[in-house]
Amino acid sequence: MDTGGGFVIDRLWMGHGHTNRGFPYPNYEPPHRVEAYALNVETIPGPIGDQIMLSVRYREHAAGGGSYEQTSGPWDLRQFLEQAFAPSP
């Protein structure tokens, strides 16, 4: 799967199938190297139920040396699954 440069998350939902999804890297100029090392899951309480958000923790290695850690923006888990599979009732 060509994501155009980004994090690829494999989606397997028991009984619903398998697919994967790419999320773009932050807007860095090449030749930076990005190394994902954690998938964060956060539950946000809401008035009509909890919202579960995903984000990726990663290191960005600059061309001239040095690196630093960052976290991507959040993605809604329900929307993430509904894009790959039928919406849940």
Protein backbone atom coordinates (compact mmCIF):
# COMPACT_ATOMS: atom_id res chain seq x y z
CA MET A 1 0.00 0.00 0.00
CA ASP A 2 1.47 3.35 -1.02
CA THR A 3 0.55 5.89 1.66
CA GLY A 4 2.51 8.73 0.12
CA GLY A 5 4.71 8.69 3.20
CA GLY A 6 3.05 8.06 6.51
CA PHE A 7 2.20 5.71 9.34
CA VAL A 8 0.38 2.56 8.23
CA ILE A 9 -1.90 0.87 10.75
CA ASP A 10 -3.16 -2.63 10.06
CA ARG A 11 -6.88 -3.02 10.89
CA LEU A 12 -8.23 -6.44 11.79
CA TRP A 13 -11.70 -6.45 13.28
CA MET A 14 -12.78 -9.91 14.40
CA GLY A 15 -15.58 -11.13 12.15
CA HIS A 16 -15.47 -8.03 9.93
CA GLY A 17 -12.31 -8.47 7.89
CA HIS A 18 -8.89 -6.97 7.42
CA THR A 19 -7.54 -3.78 5.84
CA ASN A 20 -4.88 -1.16 6.51
CA ARG A 21 -4.84 2.61 6.59
CA GLY A 22 -2.14 5.19 6.11
CA PHE A 23 -1.96 8.43 8.04
CA PRO A 24 0.37 11.10 6.69
CA TYR A 25 3.54 12.06 8.49
CA PRO A 26 3.73 15.59 9.82
CA ASN A 27 4.92 18.11 7.24
CA TYR A 28 8.69 17.68 7.34
CA GLU A 29 11.07 18.34 4.54
CA PRO A 30 13.07 15.34 3.37
CA PRO A 31 15.51 13.76 4.16
CA HIS A 32 14.18 13.35 7.69
CA ARG A 33 13.63 9.82 8.94
CA VAL A 34 10.60 9.07 11.09
CA GLU A 35 10.53 6.05 13.39
CA ALA A 36 7.19 5.12 14.99
CA TYR A 37 7.51 3.26 18.29
CA ALA A 38 4.14 3.43 20.09
CA LEU A 39 0.42 3.47 19.34
CA ASN A 40 -1.36 5.49 22.02
CA VAL A 41 -4.98 4.84 22.95
CA GLU A 42 -6.81 7.49 24.98
CA THR A 43 -10.39 7.45 26.24
CA ILE A 44 -12.13 10.81 26.43
CA PRO A 45 -15.37 10.81 28.47
CA GLY A 46 -18.29 12.50 26.77
CA PRO A 47 -21.95 13.26 27.45
CA ILE A 48 -23.19 10.45 25.14
CA GLY A 49 -20.40 7.95 25.73
CA ASP A 50 -16.66 7.68 25.65
CA GLN A 51 -14.64 8.62 22.57
CA ILE A 52 -11.52 6.54 21.95
CA MET A 53 -8.66 8.31 20.20
CA LEU A 54 -5.53 6.87 18.58
CA SER A 55 -2.20 8.64 18.07
CA VAL A 56 1.32 7.57 17.13
CA ARG A 57 4.40 8.35 19.20
CA TYR A 58 7.50 8.70 17.02
CA ARG A 59 11.10 9.90 16.76
CA GLU A 60 12.13 12.20 13.99
CA HIS A 61 15.78 11.92 12.95
CA ALA A 62 17.14 15.01 11.19
CA ALA A 63 19.55 14.71 8.25
CA GLY A 64 22.34 16.53 10.10
CA GLY A 65 22.06 14.34 13.17
CA GLY A 66 20.01 14.59 16.31
CA SER A 67 16.47 13.43 16.92
CA TYR A 68 13.45 14.32 18.97
CA GLU A 69 10.18 12.70 19.99
CA GLN A 70 6.68 13.81 19.07
CA THR A 71 3.10 12.56 19.00
CA SER A 72 0.87 12.72 15.95
CA GLY A 73 -2.53 14.32 16.01
CA PRO A 74 -5.40 12.17 17.28
CA TRP A 75 -7.62 9.91 15.15
CA ASP A 76 -11.05 8.79 16.30
CA LEU A 77 -11.11 4.98 16.65
CA ARG A 78 -14.78 4.63 15.68
CA GLN A 79 -14.28 6.64 12.48
CA PHE A 80 -11.04 4.74 11.83
CA LEU A 81 -12.95 1.43 11.88
CA GLU A 82 -16.05 2.69 10.05
CA GLN A 83 -13.91 3.87 7.12
CA ALA A 84 -12.71 0.30 6.67
CA PHE A 85 -15.85 -1.58 7.61
CA ALA A 86 -19.57 -0.86 7.68
CA PRO A 87 -20.68 1.77 10.24
CA SER A 88 -21.80 0.30 13.54
CA PRO A 89 -25.39 0.85 14.67
